[in-house]
PDB file of N, CA and C in Angstrom:
ATOM      1  N   UNK A   1    -107.163  -6.825  -8.110  1.00  0.00           N
ATOM      2  CA  UNK A   1    -106.645  -6.276  -6.827  1.00  0.00           C
ATOM      3  C   UNK A   1    -106.381  -4.814  -7.009  1.00  0.00           C
ATOM      4  N   UNK A   2    -106.852  -3.984  -6.161  1.00  0.00           N
ATOM      5  CA  UNK A   2    -106.581  -2.456  -6.157  1.00  0.00           C
ATOM      6  C   UNK A   2    -105.260  -2.349  -5.506  1.00  0.00           C
ATOM      7  N   UNK A   3    -104.352  -1.683  -6.273  1.00  0.00           N
ATOM      8  CA  UNK A   3    -102.938  -1.393  -5.751  1.00  0.00           C
ATOM      9  C   UNK A   3    -102.873   0.024  -5.067  1.00  0.00           C
ATOM     10  N   UNK A   4    -103.043   0.048  -3.862  1.00  0.00           N
ATOM     11  CA  UNK A   4    -102.825   1.402  -3.163  1.00  0.00           C
ATOM     12  C   UNK A   4    -101.344   1.686  -2.957  1.00  0.00           C
ATOM     13  N   UNK A   5    -101.126   2.718  -3.518  1.00  0.00           N
ATOM     14  CA  UNK A   5     -99.571   3.311  -3.583  1.00  0.00           C
ATOM     15  C   UNK A   5     -99.070   3.474  -2.201  1.00  0.00           C
ATOM     16  N   UNK A   6    -100.094   3.919  -1.327  1.00  0.00           N
ATOM     17  CA  UNK A   6     -99.726   4.039   0.243  1.00  0.00           C
ATOM     18  C   UNK A   6     -99.360   2.688   0.834  1.00  0.00           C
ATOM     19  N   UNK A   7     -99.688   1.667   0.288  1.00  0.00           N
ATOM     20  CA  UNK A   7     -99.361   0.309   0.941  1.00  0.00           C
ATOM     21  C   UNK A   7     -97.947   0.042   0.965  1.00  0.00           C
ATOM     22  N   UNK A   8     -97.302   0.786   0.013  1.00  0.00           N
ATOM     23  CA  UNK A   8     -95.875   0.569  -0.264  1.00  0.00           C
ATOM     24  C   UNK A   8     -94.955   1.907   0.134  1.00  0.00           C
ATOM     25  N   UNK A   9     -95.579   2.845   0.876  1.00  0.00           N
ATOM     26  CA  UNK A   9     -94.846   3.934   1.215  1.00  0.00           C
ATOM     27  C   UNK A   9     -94.175   4.776   0.187  1.00  0.00           C
ATOM     28  N   UNK A  10     -94.715   4.796  -1.174  1.00  0.00           N
ATOM     29  CA  UNK A  10     -94.103   5.453  -2.127  1.00  0.00           C
ATOM     30  C   UNK A  10     -93.096   4.830  -2.994  1.00  0.00           C
ATOM     31  N   UNK A  11     -92.648   3.614  -2.525  1.00  0.00           N
ATOM     32  CA  UNK A  11     -91.548   2.903  -3.297  1.00  0.00           C
ATOM     33  C   UNK A  11     -91.996   2.617  -4.555  1.00  0.00           C
ATOM     34  N   UNK A  12     -91.140   2.569  -5.437  1.00  0.00           N
ATOM     35  CA  UNK A  12     -91.400   2.108  -6.849  1.00  0.00           C
ATOM     36  C   UNK A  12     -91.257   0.628  -6.880  1.00  0.00           C
ATOM     37  N   UNK A  13     -92.443  -0.086  -7.524  1.00  0.00           N
ATOM     38  CA  UNK A  13     -92.516  -1.604  -7.654  1.00  0.00           C
ATOM     39  C   UNK A  13     -92.044  -2.010  -9.030  1.00  0.00           C
ATOM     40  N   UNK A  14     -91.386  -3.121  -9.029  1.00  0.00           N
ATOM     41  CA  UNK A  14     -91.070  -3.715 -10.353  1.00  0.00           C
ATOM     42  C   UNK A  14     -91.580  -5.263 -10.261  1.00  0.00           C
ATOM     43  N   UNK A  15     -92.291  -5.695 -11.273  1.00  0.00           N
ATOM     44  CA  UNK A  15     -92.873  -7.026 -11.251  1.00  0.00           C
ATOM     45  C   UNK A  15     -92.419  -7.553 -12.690  1.00  0.00           C
ATOM     46  N   UNK A  16     -91.815  -8.704 -12.587  1.00  0.00           N
ATOM     47  CA  UNK A  16     -91.356  -9.492 -13.910  1.00  0.00           C
ATOM     48  C   UNK A  16     -91.617 -11.062 -13.649  1.00  0.00           C
ATOM     49  N   UNK A  17     -91.768 -11.635 -14.745  1.00  0.00           N
ATOM     50  CA  UNK A  17     -91.758 -13.174 -14.805  1.00  0.00           C
ATOM     51  C   UNK A  17     -90.436 -13.668 -14.790  1.00  0.00           C
ATOM     52  N   UNK A  18     -90.219 -14.492 -13.865  1.00  0.00           N
ATOM     53  CA  UNK A  18     -88.821 -15.094 -13.696  1.00  0.00           C
ATOM     54  C   UNK A  18     -88.688 -16.313 -14.502  1.00  0.00           C
ATOM     55  N   UNK A  19     -87.585 -16.858 -14.437  1.00  0.00           N
ATOM     56  CA  UNK A  19     -87.311 -18.058 -15.509  1.00  0.00           C
ATOM     57  C   UNK A  19     -88.041 -19.331 -14.959  1.00  0.00           C
ATOM     58  N   UNK A  20     -88.517 -19.326 -13.749  1.00  0.00           N
ATOM     59  CA  UNK A  20     -89.365 -20.434 -13.295  1.00  0.00           C
ATOM     60  C   UNK A  20     -90.894 -20.333 -13.512  1.00  0.00           C
ATOM     61  N   UNK A  21     -91.209 -19.257 -14.150  1.00  0.00           N
ATOM     62  CA  UNK A  21     -92.680 -19.036 -14.392  1.00  0.00           C
ATOM     63  C   UNK A  21     -93.449 -18.302 -13.191  1.00  0.00           C
ATOM     64  N   UNK A  22     -92.668 -17.878 -12.287  1.00  0.00           N
ATOM     65  CA  UNK A  22     -93.297 -17.166 -11.141  1.00  0.00           C
ATOM     66  C   UNK A  22     -93.233 -15.534 -11.268  1.00  0.00           C
ATOM     67  N   UNK A  23     -93.980 -14.761 -10.805  1.00  0.00           N
ATOM     68  CA  UNK A  23     -93.775 -13.276 -10.954  1.00  0.00           C
ATOM     69  C   UNK A  23     -93.132 -12.994  -9.650  1.00  0.00           C
ATOM     70  N   UNK A  24     -92.112 -12.135  -9.763  1.00  0.00           N
ATOM     71  CA  UNK A  24     -91.339 -11.589  -8.755  1.00  0.00           C
ATOM     72  C   UNK A  24     -91.593  -9.977  -8.609  1.00  0.00           C
ATOM     73  N   UNK A  25     -92.083  -9.553  -7.430  1.00  0.00           N
ATOM     74  CA  UNK A  25     -92.172  -8.190  -7.289  1.00  0.00           C
ATOM     75  C   UNK A  25     -91.232  -7.738  -6.205  1.00  0.00           C
ATOM     76  N   UNK A  26     -90.544  -6.470  -6.502  1.00  0.00           N
ATOM     77  CA  UNK A  26     -89.545  -6.055  -5.607  1.00  0.00           C
ATOM     78  C   UNK A  26     -89.664  -4.423  -5.544  1.00  0.00           C
ATOM     79  N   UNK A  27     -89.139  -3.635  -4.601  1.00  0.00           N
ATOM     80  CA  UNK A  27     -88.967  -2.453  -4.754  1.00  0.00           C
ATOM     81  C   UNK A  27     -87.514  -1.980  -5.517  1.00  0.00           C
ATOM     82  N   UNK A  28     -87.639  -1.127  -6.381  1.00  0.00           N
ATOM     83  CA  UNK A  28     -86.482  -0.665  -7.087  1.00  0.00           C
ATOM     84  C   UNK A  28     -85.586  -0.098  -6.305  1.00  0.00           C
ATOM     85  N   UNK A  29     -86.007   0.669  -5.186  1.00  0.00           N
ATOM     86  CA  UNK A  29     -85.043   1.431  -4.248  1.00  0.00           C
ATOM     87  C   UNK A  29     -84.655   0.422  -3.217  1.00  0.00           C
ATOM     88  N   UNK A  30     -85.289  -0.591  -2.961  1.00  0.00           N
ATOM     89  CA  UNK A  30     -84.817  -1.536  -1.966  1.00  0.00           C
ATOM     90  C   UNK A  30     -85.096  -2.878  -2.557  1.00  0.00           C
ATOM     91  N   UNK A  31     -84.085  -3.441  -3.206  1.00  0.00           N
ATOM     92  CA  UNK A  31     -84.153  -4.588  -3.972  1.00  0.00           C
ATOM     93  C   UNK A  31     -84.268  -5.941  -3.086  1.00  0.00           C
ATOM     94  N   UNK A  32     -83.686  -5.702  -1.811  1.00  0.00           N
ATOM     95  CA  UNK A  32     -83.828  -6.808  -0.809  1.00  0.00           C
ATOM     96  C   UNK A  32     -85.317  -7.225  -0.419  1.00  0.00           C
ATOM     97  N   UNK A  33     -86.135  -6.300  -0.655  1.00  0.00           N
ATOM     98  CA  UNK A  33     -87.548  -6.567  -0.236  1.00  0.00           C
ATOM     99  C   UNK A  33     -88.326  -6.862  -1.326  1.00  0.00           C
ATOM    100  N   UNK A  34     -88.719  -8.355  -1.480  1.00  0.00           N
ATOM    101  CA  UNK A  34     -89.326  -8.894  -2.587  1.00  0.00           C
ATOM    102  C   UNK A  34     -90.145 -10.106  -2.297  1.00  0.00           C
ATOM    103  N   UNK A  35     -90.808 -10.437  -3.224  1.00  0.00           N
ATOM    104  CA  UNK A  35     -91.862 -11.464  -3.003  1.00  0.00           C
ATOM    105  C   UNK A  35     -92.210 -12.074  -4.358  1.00  0.00           C
ATOM    106  N   UNK A  36     -92.678 -13.469  -4.232  1.00  0.00           N
ATOM    107  CA  UNK A  36     -93.154 -14.093  -5.459  1.00  0.00           C
ATOM    108  C   UNK A  36     -94.647 -14.490  -5.357  1.00  0.00           C
ATOM    109  N   UNK A  37     -95.182 -14.776  -6.565  1.00  0.00           N
ATOM    110  CA  UNK A  37     -96.543 -15.156  -6.723  1.00  0.00           C
ATOM    111  C   UNK A  37     -96.785 -15.702  -8.148  1.00  0.00           C
ATOM    112  N   UNK A  38     -97.840 -16.480  -8.100  1.00  0.00           N
ATOM    113  CA  UNK A  38     -98.267 -17.135  -9.454  1.00  0.00           C
ATOM    114  C   UNK A  38     -98.734 -16.142 -10.444  1.00  0.00           C
ATOM    115  N   UNK A  39     -99.204 -14.842  -9.868  1.00  0.00           N
ATOM    116  CA  UNK A  39     -99.821 -13.962 -10.880  1.00  0.00           C
ATOM    117  C   UNK A  39     -99.146 -12.565 -10.239  1.00  0.00           C
ATOM    118  N   UNK A  40     -99.285 -11.542 -11.114  1.00  0.00           N
ATOM    119  CA  UNK A  40     -98.722 -10.241 -10.710  1.00  0.00           C
ATOM    120  C   UNK A  40     -99.437  -9.787  -9.349  1.00  0.00           C
ATOM    121  N   UNK A  41    -100.836  -9.964  -9.407  1.00  0.00           N
ATOM    122  CA  UNK A  41    -101.568  -9.591  -8.255  1.00  0.00           C
ATOM    123  C   UNK A  41    -101.148 -10.251  -6.977  1.00  0.00           C
ATOM    124  N   UNK A  42    -100.941 -11.468  -7.010  1.00  0.00           N
ATOM    125  CA  UNK A  42    -100.470 -12.346  -5.901  1.00  0.00           C
ATOM    126  C   UNK A  42     -99.198 -11.935  -5.445  1.00  0.00           C
ATOM    127  N   UNK A  43     -98.313 -11.626  -6.422  1.00  0.00           N
ATOM    128  CA  UNK A  43     -96.916 -11.297  -6.102  1.00  0.00           C
ATOM    129  C   UNK A  43     -96.937  -9.762  -5.195  1.00  0.00           C
ATOM    130  N   UNK A  44     -97.937  -8.940  -5.583  1.00  0.00           N
ATOM    131  CA  UNK A  44     -98.122  -7.600  -4.831  1.00  0.00           C
ATOM    132  C   UNK A  44     -98.617  -7.901  -3.438  1.00  0.00           C
ATOM    133  N   UNK A  45     -99.569  -8.839  -3.300  1.00  0.00           N
ATOM    134  CA  UNK A  45    -100.035  -9.212  -2.130  1.00  0.00           C
ATOM    135  C   UNK A  45     -98.847  -9.558  -1.218  1.00  0.00           C
ATOM    136  N   UNK A  46     -98.131 -10.414  -1.562  1.00  0.00           N
ATOM    137  CA  UNK A  46     -96.981 -11.102  -1.161  1.00  0.00           C
ATOM    138  C   UNK A  46     -95.986  -9.903  -0.584  1.00  0.00           C
ATOM    139  N   UNK A  47     -95.854  -8.950  -1.577  1.00  0.00           N
ATOM    140  CA  UNK A  47     -94.825  -7.992  -1.334  1.00  0.00           C
ATOM    141  C   UNK A  47     -95.283  -7.148  -0.142  1.00  0.00           C
ATOM    142  N   UNK A  48     -96.566  -6.874  -0.117  1.00  0.00           N
ATOM    143  CA  UNK A  48     -97.138  -6.029   0.868  1.00  0.00           C
ATOM    144  C   UNK A  48     -96.911  -6.511   2.326  1.00  0.00           C
ATOM    145  N   UNK A  49     -97.135  -7.917   2.356  1.00  0.00           N
ATOM    146  CA  UNK A  49     -96.819  -8.801   3.551  1.00  0.00           C
ATOM    147  C   UNK A  49     -95.388  -8.604   3.941  1.00  0.00           C
ATOM    148  N   UNK A  50     -94.606  -8.793   2.935  1.00  0.00           N
ATOM    149  CA  UNK A  50     -93.129  -8.794   3.173  1.00  0.00           C
ATOM    150  C   UNK A  50     -92.630  -7.433   3.741  1.00  0.00           C
ATOM    151  N   UNK A  51     -93.337  -6.319   3.159  1.00  0.00           N
ATOM    152  CA  UNK A  51     -92.940  -4.924   3.446  1.00  0.00           C
ATOM    153  C   UNK A  51     -93.261  -4.618   4.999  1.00  0.00           C
ATOM    154  N   UNK A  52     -94.433  -5.051   5.384  1.00  0.00           N
ATOM    155  CA  UNK A  52     -95.111  -4.873   6.573  1.00  0.00           C
ATOM    156  C   UNK A  52     -94.264  -5.552   7.686  1.00  0.00           C
ATOM    157  N   UNK A  53     -93.730  -6.931   7.286  1.00  0.00           N
ATOM    158  CA  UNK A  53     -92.808  -7.504   8.147  1.00  0.00           C
ATOM    159  C   UNK A  53     -91.403  -6.887   8.405  1.00  0.00           C
ATOM    160  N   UNK A  54     -90.887  -6.380   7.126  1.00  0.00           N
ATOM    161  CA  UNK A  54     -89.547  -5.699   7.259  1.00  0.00           C
ATOM    162  C   UNK A  54     -89.770  -4.428   8.078  1.00  0.00           C
ATOM    163  N   UNK A  55     -90.852  -3.671   7.963  1.00  0.00           N
ATOM    164  CA  UNK A  55     -91.032  -2.564   8.917  1.00  0.00           C
ATOM    165  C   UNK A  55     -91.127  -2.908  10.258  1.00  0.00           C
ATOM    166  N   UNK A  56     -91.618  -3.997  10.719  1.00  0.00           N
ATOM    167  CA  UNK A  56     -91.680  -4.550  12.035  1.00  0.00           C
ATOM    168  C   UNK A  56     -90.384  -4.899  12.541  1.00  0.00           C
ATOM    169  N   UNK A  57     -89.467  -5.416  11.765  1.00  0.00           N
ATOM    170  CA  UNK A  57     -88.192  -5.747  12.097  1.00  0.00           C
ATOM    171  C   UNK A  57     -87.298  -4.488  12.278  1.00  0.00           C
ATOM    172  N   UNK A  58     -87.436  -3.479  11.568  1.00  0.00           N
ATOM    173  CA  UNK A  58     -86.634  -2.235  11.741  1.00  0.00           C
ATOM    174  C   UNK A  58     -87.151  -1.517  12.953  1.00  0.00           C
ATOM    175  N   UNK A  59     -88.282  -1.636  13.260  1.00  0.00           N
ATOM    176  CA  UNK A  59     -88.912  -1.028  14.466  1.00  0.00           C
ATOM    177  C   UNK A  59     -88.578  -1.801  15.663  1.00  0.00           C
ATOM    178  N   UNK A  60     -88.579  -3.027  15.626  1.00  0.00           N
ATOM    179  CA  UNK A  60     -88.181  -3.941  16.870  1.00  0.00           C
ATOM    180  C   UNK A  60     -86.444  -3.644  17.035  1.00  0.00           C
ATOM    181  N   UNK A  61     -85.809  -3.459  16.021  1.00  0.00           N
ATOM    182  CA  UNK A  61     -84.424  -3.179  16.154  1.00  0.00           C
ATOM    183  C   UNK A  61     -83.924  -1.834  16.359  1.00  0.00           C
ATOM    184  N   UNK A  62     -85.110  -0.812  16.497  1.00  0.00           N
ATOM    185  CA  UNK A  62     -84.924   0.523  16.657  1.00  0.00           C
ATOM    186  C   UNK A  62     -84.020   1.193  15.640  1.00  0.00           C
ATOM    187  N   UNK A  63     -84.348   0.724  14.457  1.00  0.00           N
ATOM    188  CA  UNK A  63     -83.638   1.305  13.254  1.00  0.00           C
ATOM    189  C   UNK A  63     -84.636   2.055  12.427  1.00  0.00           C
ATOM    190  N   UNK A  64     -84.445   3.262  11.878  1.00  0.00           N
ATOM    191  CA  UNK A  64     -85.482   4.050  11.288  1.00  0.00           C
ATOM    192  C   UNK A  64     -85.778   3.261   9.911  1.00  0.00           C
ATOM    193  N   UNK A  65     -87.226   3.282   9.649  1.00  0.00           N
ATOM    194  CA  UNK A  65     -87.791   2.564   8.389  1.00  0.00           C
ATOM    195  C   UNK A  65     -87.312   3.353   7.231  1.00  0.00           C
ATOM    196  N   UNK A  66     -86.738   2.812   6.170  1.00  0.00           N
ATOM    197  CA  UNK A  66     -86.416   3.536   5.060  1.00  0.00           C
ATOM    198  C   UNK A  66     -87.286   4.303   4.469  1.00  0.00           C
ATOM    199  N   UNK A  67     -87.170   5.525   3.869  1.00  0.00           N
ATOM    200  CA  UNK A  67     -88.187   6.443   3.295  1.00  0.00           C
ATOM    201  C   UNK A  67     -87.816   6.660   1.814  1.00  0.00           C
ATOM    202  N   UNK A  68     -88.813   7.010   1.147  1.00  0.00           N
ATOM    203  CA  UNK A  68     -88.474   7.350  -0.318  1.00  0.00           C
ATOM    204  C   UNK A  68     -88.092   8.842  -0.297  1.00  0.00           C
ATOM    205  N   UNK A  69     -87.004   9.283  -0.942  1.00  0.00           N
ATOM    206  CA  UNK A  69     -86.563  10.615  -1.003  1.00  0.00           C
ATOM    207  C   UNK A  69     -87.619  11.506  -1.605  1.00  0.00           C
ATOM    208  N   UNK A  70     -87.733  12.844  -1.544  1.00  0.00           N
ATOM    209  CA  UNK A  70     -88.559  13.633  -2.125  1.00  0.00           C
ATOM    210  C   UNK A  70     -88.338  13.717  -3.676  1.00  0.00           C
ATOM    211  N   UNK A  71     -87.001  13.485  -3.904  1.00  0.00           N
ATOM    212  CA  UNK A  71     -86.749  13.385  -5.480  1.00  0.00           C
ATOM    213  C   UNK A  71     -87.482  12.153  -6.077  1.00  0.00           C
ATOM    214  N   UNK A  72     -87.250  11.010  -5.435  1.00  0.00           N
ATOM    215  CA  UNK A  72     -87.800   9.903  -5.967  1.00  0.00           C
ATOM    216  C   UNK A  72     -89.320   9.899  -6.128  1.00  0.00           C
ATOM    217  N   UNK A  73     -89.975  10.464  -5.006  1.00  0.00           N
ATOM    218  CA  UNK A  73     -91.436  10.750  -5.108  1.00  0.00           C
ATOM    219  C   UNK A  73     -91.999  11.426  -6.426  1.00  0.00           C
ATOM    220  N   UNK A  74     -90.929  12.456  -6.759  1.00  0.00           N
ATOM    221  CA  UNK A  74     -91.281  13.385  -7.824  1.00  0.00           C
ATOM    222  C   UNK A  74     -90.890  12.931  -9.149  1.00  0.00           C
ATOM    223  N   UNK A  75     -90.026  11.849  -9.148  1.00  0.00           N
ATOM    224  CA  UNK A  75     -89.521  11.388 -10.460  1.00  0.00           C
ATOM    225  C   UNK A  75     -89.804   9.789 -10.547  1.00  0.00           C
ATOM    226  N   UNK A  76     -90.987   9.436 -10.540  1.00  0.00           N
ATOM    227  CA  UNK A  76     -91.310   8.033 -10.657  1.00  0.00           C
ATOM    228  C   UNK A  76     -91.365   7.580 -12.125  1.00  0.00           C
ATOM    229  N   UNK A  77     -90.770   6.414 -12.475  1.00  0.00           N
ATOM    230  CA  UNK A  77     -90.728   5.706 -13.797  1.00  0.00           C
ATOM    231  C   UNK A  77     -91.885   4.730 -13.818  1.00  0.00           C
ATOM    232  N   UNK A  78     -92.561   4.808 -14.937  1.00  0.00           N
ATOM    233  CA  UNK A  78     -93.704   3.884 -15.140  1.00  0.00           C
ATOM    234  C   UNK A  78     -93.501   3.309 -16.593  1.00  0.00           C
ATOM    235  N   UNK A  79     -93.142   2.085 -16.545  1.00  0.00           N
ATOM    236  CA  UNK A  79     -92.810   1.318 -17.760  1.00  0.00           C
ATOM    237  C   UNK A  79     -94.019   0.297 -18.160  1.00  0.00           C
ATOM    238  N   UNK A  80     -94.467   0.509 -19.349  1.00  0.00           N
ATOM    239  CA  UNK A  80     -95.458  -0.205 -19.856  1.00  0.00           C
ATOM    240  C   UNK A  80     -95.250  -0.792 -21.225  1.00  0.00           C
ATOM    241  N   UNK A  81     -95.307  -2.046 -21.376  1.00  0.00           N
ATOM    242  CA  UNK A  81     -95.101  -2.751 -22.649  1.00  0.00           C
ATOM    243  C   UNK A  81     -96.295  -2.476 -23.633  1.00  0.00           C
ATOM    244  N   UNK A  82     -95.877  -2.064 -24.787  1.00  0.00           N
ATOM    245  CA  UNK A  82     -96.952  -1.579 -25.733  1.00  0.00           C
ATOM    246  C   UNK A  82     -96.738  -2.258 -27.096  1.00  0.00           C
ATOM    247  N   UNK A  83     -97.631  -2.369 -27.987  1.00  0.00           N
ATOM    248  CA  UNK A  83     -97.665  -3.079 -29.162  1.00  0.00           C
ATOM    249  C   UNK A  83     -96.774  -2.123 -30.061  1.00  0.00           C
ATOM    250  N   UNK A  84     -95.646  -2.622 -30.795  1.00  0.00           N
ATOM    251  CA  UNK A  84     -94.830  -1.837 -31.432  1.00  0.00           C
ATOM    252  C   UNK A  84     -95.477  -0.860 -32.377  1.00  0.00           C
ATOM    253  N   UNK A  85     -96.712  -1.018 -33.023  1.00  0.00           N
ATOM    254  CA  UNK A  85     -97.444  -0.158 -33.946  1.00  0.00           C
ATOM    255  C   UNK A  85     -97.820   1.059 -33.048  1.00  0.00           C
ATOM    256  N   UNK A  86     -98.327   0.735 -31.937  1.00  0.00           N
ATOM    257  CA  UNK A  86     -98.867   1.942 -31.027  1.00  0.00           C
ATOM    258  C   UNK A  86     -97.536   2.824 -30.650  1.00  0.00           C
ATOM    259  N   UNK A  87     -96.441   2.175 -30.287  1.00  0.00           N
ATOM    260  CA  UNK A  87     -95.316   2.913 -30.026  1.00  0.00           C
ATOM    261  C   UNK A  87     -94.779   3.779 -31.088  1.00  0.00           C
ATOM    262  N   UNK A  88     -94.817   3.235 -32.355  1.00  0.00           N
ATOM    263  CA  UNK A  88     -94.438   4.151 -33.400  1.00  0.00           C
ATOM    264  C   UNK A  88     -95.499   5.280 -33.846  1.00  0.00           C
ATOM    265  N   UNK A  89     -96.849   5.005 -33.611  1.00  0.00           N
ATOM    266  CA  UNK A  89     -97.866   6.005 -33.658  1.00  0.00           C
ATOM    267  C   UNK A  89     -97.670   7.069 -32.640  1.00  0.00           C
ATOM    268  N   UNK A  90     -97.260   6.748 -31.426  1.00  0.00           N
ATOM    269  CA  UNK A  90     -97.012   7.699 -30.310  1.00  0.00           C
ATOM    270  C   UNK A  90     -95.840   8.495 -30.582  1.00  0.00           C
ATOM    271  N   UNK A  91     -94.825   7.848 -31.139  1.00  0.00           N
ATOM    272  CA  UNK A  91     -93.405   8.491 -31.283  1.00  0.00           C
ATOM    273  C   UNK A  91     -93.637   9.510 -32.441  1.00  0.00           C
ATOM    274  N   UNK A  92     -94.447   9.068 -33.413  1.00  0.00           N
ATOM    275  CA  UNK A  92     -94.608  10.064 -34.695  1.00  0.00           C
ATOM    276  C   UNK A  92     -95.400  11.179 -34.169  1.00  0.00           C
ATOM    277  N   UNK A  93     -96.450  11.179 -33.285  1.00  0.00           N
ATOM    278  CA  UNK A  93     -97.226  12.140 -32.822  1.00  0.00           C
ATOM    279  C   UNK A  93     -96.413  13.033 -31.835  1.00  0.00           C
ATOM    280  N   UNK A  94     -95.503  12.458 -31.081  1.00  0.00           N
ATOM    281  CA  UNK A  94     -94.710  13.315 -30.140  1.00  0.00           C
ATOM    282  C   UNK A  94     -93.674  14.093 -31.129  1.00  0.00           C
ATOM    283  N   UNK A  95     -93.237  13.573 -32.225  1.00  0.00           N
ATOM    284  CA  UNK A  95     -92.100  14.225 -32.898  1.00  0.00           C
ATOM    285  C   UNK A  95     -92.931  15.392 -33.693  1.00  0.00           C
ATOM    286  N   UNK A  96     -94.032  15.157 -34.129  1.00  0.00           N
ATOM    287  CA  UNK A  96     -94.849  16.215 -34.878  1.00  0.00           C
ATOM    288  C   UNK A  96     -95.272  17.282 -33.825  1.00  0.00           C
ATOM    289  N   UNK A  97     -95.380  16.953 -32.581  1.00  0.00           N
ATOM    290  CA  UNK A  97     -95.805  17.988 -31.562  1.00  0.00           C
ATOM    291  C   UNK A  97     -94.468  18.739 -30.997  1.00  0.00           C
ATOM    292  N   UNK A  98     -93.296  18.134 -31.449  1.00  0.00           N
ATOM    293  CA  UNK A  98     -92.061  18.836 -30.856  1.00  0.00           C
ATOM    294  C   UNK A  98     -91.893  18.296 -29.225  1.00  0.00           C
ATOM    295  N   UNK A  99     -92.304  17.338 -28.929  1.00  0.00           N
ATOM    296  CA  UNK A  99     -92.141  16.949 -27.518  1.00  0.00           C
ATOM    297  C   UNK A  99     -91.584  15.491 -27.469  1.00  0.00           C
ATOM    298  N   UNK A 100     -91.008  15.183 -26.210  1.00  0.00           N
ATOM    299  CA  UNK A 100     -90.679  13.815 -26.130  1.00  0.00           C
ATOM    300  C   UNK A 100     -91.822  12.815 -26.011  1.00  0.00           C
ATOM    301  N   UNK A 101     -91.583  11.517 -26.367  1.00  0.00           N
ATOM    302  CA  UNK A 101     -92.456  10.592 -26.186  1.00  0.00           C
ATOM    303  C   UNK A 101     -92.965  10.457 -24.764  1.00  0.00           C
ATOM    304  N   UNK A 102     -92.076  10.735 -23.771  1.00  0.00           N
ATOM    305  CA  UNK A 102     -92.613  10.599 -22.309  1.00  0.00           C
ATOM    306  C   UNK A 102     -93.562  11.618 -22.075  1.00  0.00           C
ATOM    307  N   UNK A 103     -93.230  12.913 -22.566  1.00  0.00           N
ATOM    308  CA  UNK A 103     -94.033  14.122 -22.204  1.00  0.00           C
ATOM    309  C   UNK A 103     -95.433  13.858 -22.797  1.00  0.00           C
ATOM    310  N   UNK A 104     -95.474  13.282 -24.154  1.00  0.00           N
ATOM    311  CA  UNK A 104     -96.827  12.986 -24.876  1.00  0.00           C
ATOM    312  C   UNK A 104     -97.588  12.153 -23.962  1.00  0.00           C
ATOM    313  N   UNK A 105     -97.020  11.021 -23.576  1.00  0.00           N
ATOM    314  CA  UNK A 105     -97.789   9.937 -22.937  1.00  0.00           C
ATOM    315  C   UNK A 105     -98.191  10.472 -21.634  1.00  0.00           C
ATOM    316  N   UNK A 106     -97.374  11.102 -20.877  1.00  0.00           N
ATOM    317  CA  UNK A 106     -97.815  11.788 -19.517  1.00  0.00           C
ATOM    318  C   UNK A 106     -99.002  12.701 -19.791  1.00  0.00           C
ATOM    319  N   UNK A 107     -98.972  13.615 -20.843  1.00  0.00           N
ATOM    320  CA  UNK A 107     -99.908  14.542 -21.176  1.00  0.00           C
ATOM    321  C   UNK A 107    -101.277  13.585 -21.358  1.00  0.00           C
ATOM    322  N   UNK A 108    -101.240  12.658 -22.123  1.00  0.00           N
ATOM    323  CA  UNK A 108    -102.396  11.783 -22.543  1.00  0.00           C
ATOM    324  C   UNK A 108    -103.008  11.284 -21.182  1.00  0.00           C
ATOM    325  N   UNK A 109    -102.197  10.732 -20.330  1.00  0.00           N
ATOM    326  CA  UNK A 109    -102.400  10.048 -19.197  1.00  0.00           C
ATOM    327  C   UNK A 109    -103.218  11.049 -18.400  1.00  0.00           C
ATOM    328  N   UNK A 110    -102.537  12.184 -18.050  1.00  0.00           N
ATOM    329  CA  UNK A 110    -103.166  13.181 -17.210  1.00  0.00           C
ATOM    330  C   UNK A 110    -104.512  13.544 -17.778  1.00  0.00           C
ATOM    331  N   UNK A 111    -104.798  13.730 -19.026  1.00  0.00           N
ATOM    332  CA  UNK A 111    -105.901  14.008 -19.496  1.00  0.00           C
ATOM    333  C   UNK A 111    -107.004  13.088 -19.269  1.00  0.00           C
ATOM    334  N   UNK A 112    -106.701  11.756 -19.244  1.00  0.00           N
ATOM    335  CA  UNK A 112    -107.804  10.882 -18.957  1.00  0.00           C
ATOM    336  C   UNK A 112    -108.291  10.487 -17.549  1.00  0.00           C
ATOM    337  N   UNK A 113    -107.461  10.900 -16.607  1.00  0.00           N
ATOM    338  CA  UNK A 113    -107.728  10.523 -15.335  1.00  0.00           C
ATOM    339  C   UNK A 113    -107.650  11.728 -14.309  1.00  0.00           C
ATOM    340  N   UNK A 114    -108.398  11.689 -13.233  1.00  0.00           N
ATOM    341  CA  UNK A 114    -108.277  12.833 -12.197  1.00  0.00           C
ATOM    342  C   UNK A 114    -107.204  12.395 -11.270  1.00  0.00           C
ATOM    343  N   UNK A 115    -106.282  13.338 -11.085  1.00  0.00           N
ATOM    344  CA  UNK A 115    -105.081  13.098 -10.089  1.00  0.00           C
ATOM    345  C   UNK A 115    -105.449  13.914  -8.885  1.00  0.00           C
ATOM    346  N   UNK A 116    -105.276  13.175  -7.713  1.00  0.00           N
ATOM    347  CA  UNK A 116    -105.477  13.657  -6.414  1.00  0.00           C
ATOM    348  C   UNK A 116    -104.146  14.326  -5.988  1.00  0.00           C
ATOM    349  N   UNK A 117    -104.006  15.586  -5.914  1.00  0.00           N
ATOM    350  CA  UNK A 117    -102.710  16.231  -5.509  1.00  0.00           C
ATOM    351  C   UNK A 117    -102.717  16.456  -4.076  1.00  0.00           C
ATOM    352  N   UNK A 118    -102.113  15.623  -3.396  1.00  0.00           N
ATOM    353  CA  UNK A 118    -102.027  15.698  -1.909  1.00  0.00           C
ATOM    354  C   UNK A 118    -100.878  16.424  -1.457  1.00  0.00           C
ATOM    355  N   UNK A 119    -100.974  17.242  -0.437  1.00  0.00           N
ATOM    356  CA  UNK A 119     -99.916  18.205  -0.007  1.00  0.00           C
ATOM    357  C   UNK A 119     -98.677  17.308   0.355  1.00  0.00           C
TER     358      UNK A 119
END
């Protein structure tokens, strides 16, 4: 499933496997907006539906729909589990380059994809 960031209005999504073996997807900034699914992709589909329904409720109640702050849009966390050996190789490379591990990984990711800079 292609995850379009715009489907979630810029909110940060966390997905994890719960104790019952289902995947839970929720917004970090709005933890009360969540959904379950048997796979991460299905949890995201359900989260999109839940978010659309929540926005409809806000609009029906004449309440402003929550927005991600500019700071949150510019300071997104991206957590990826990696093999410990890869982690240590990247950490060593970052130390030798005199930069943080996060800066090194961001540099590597930016060099491998084209980023659409929207105004």
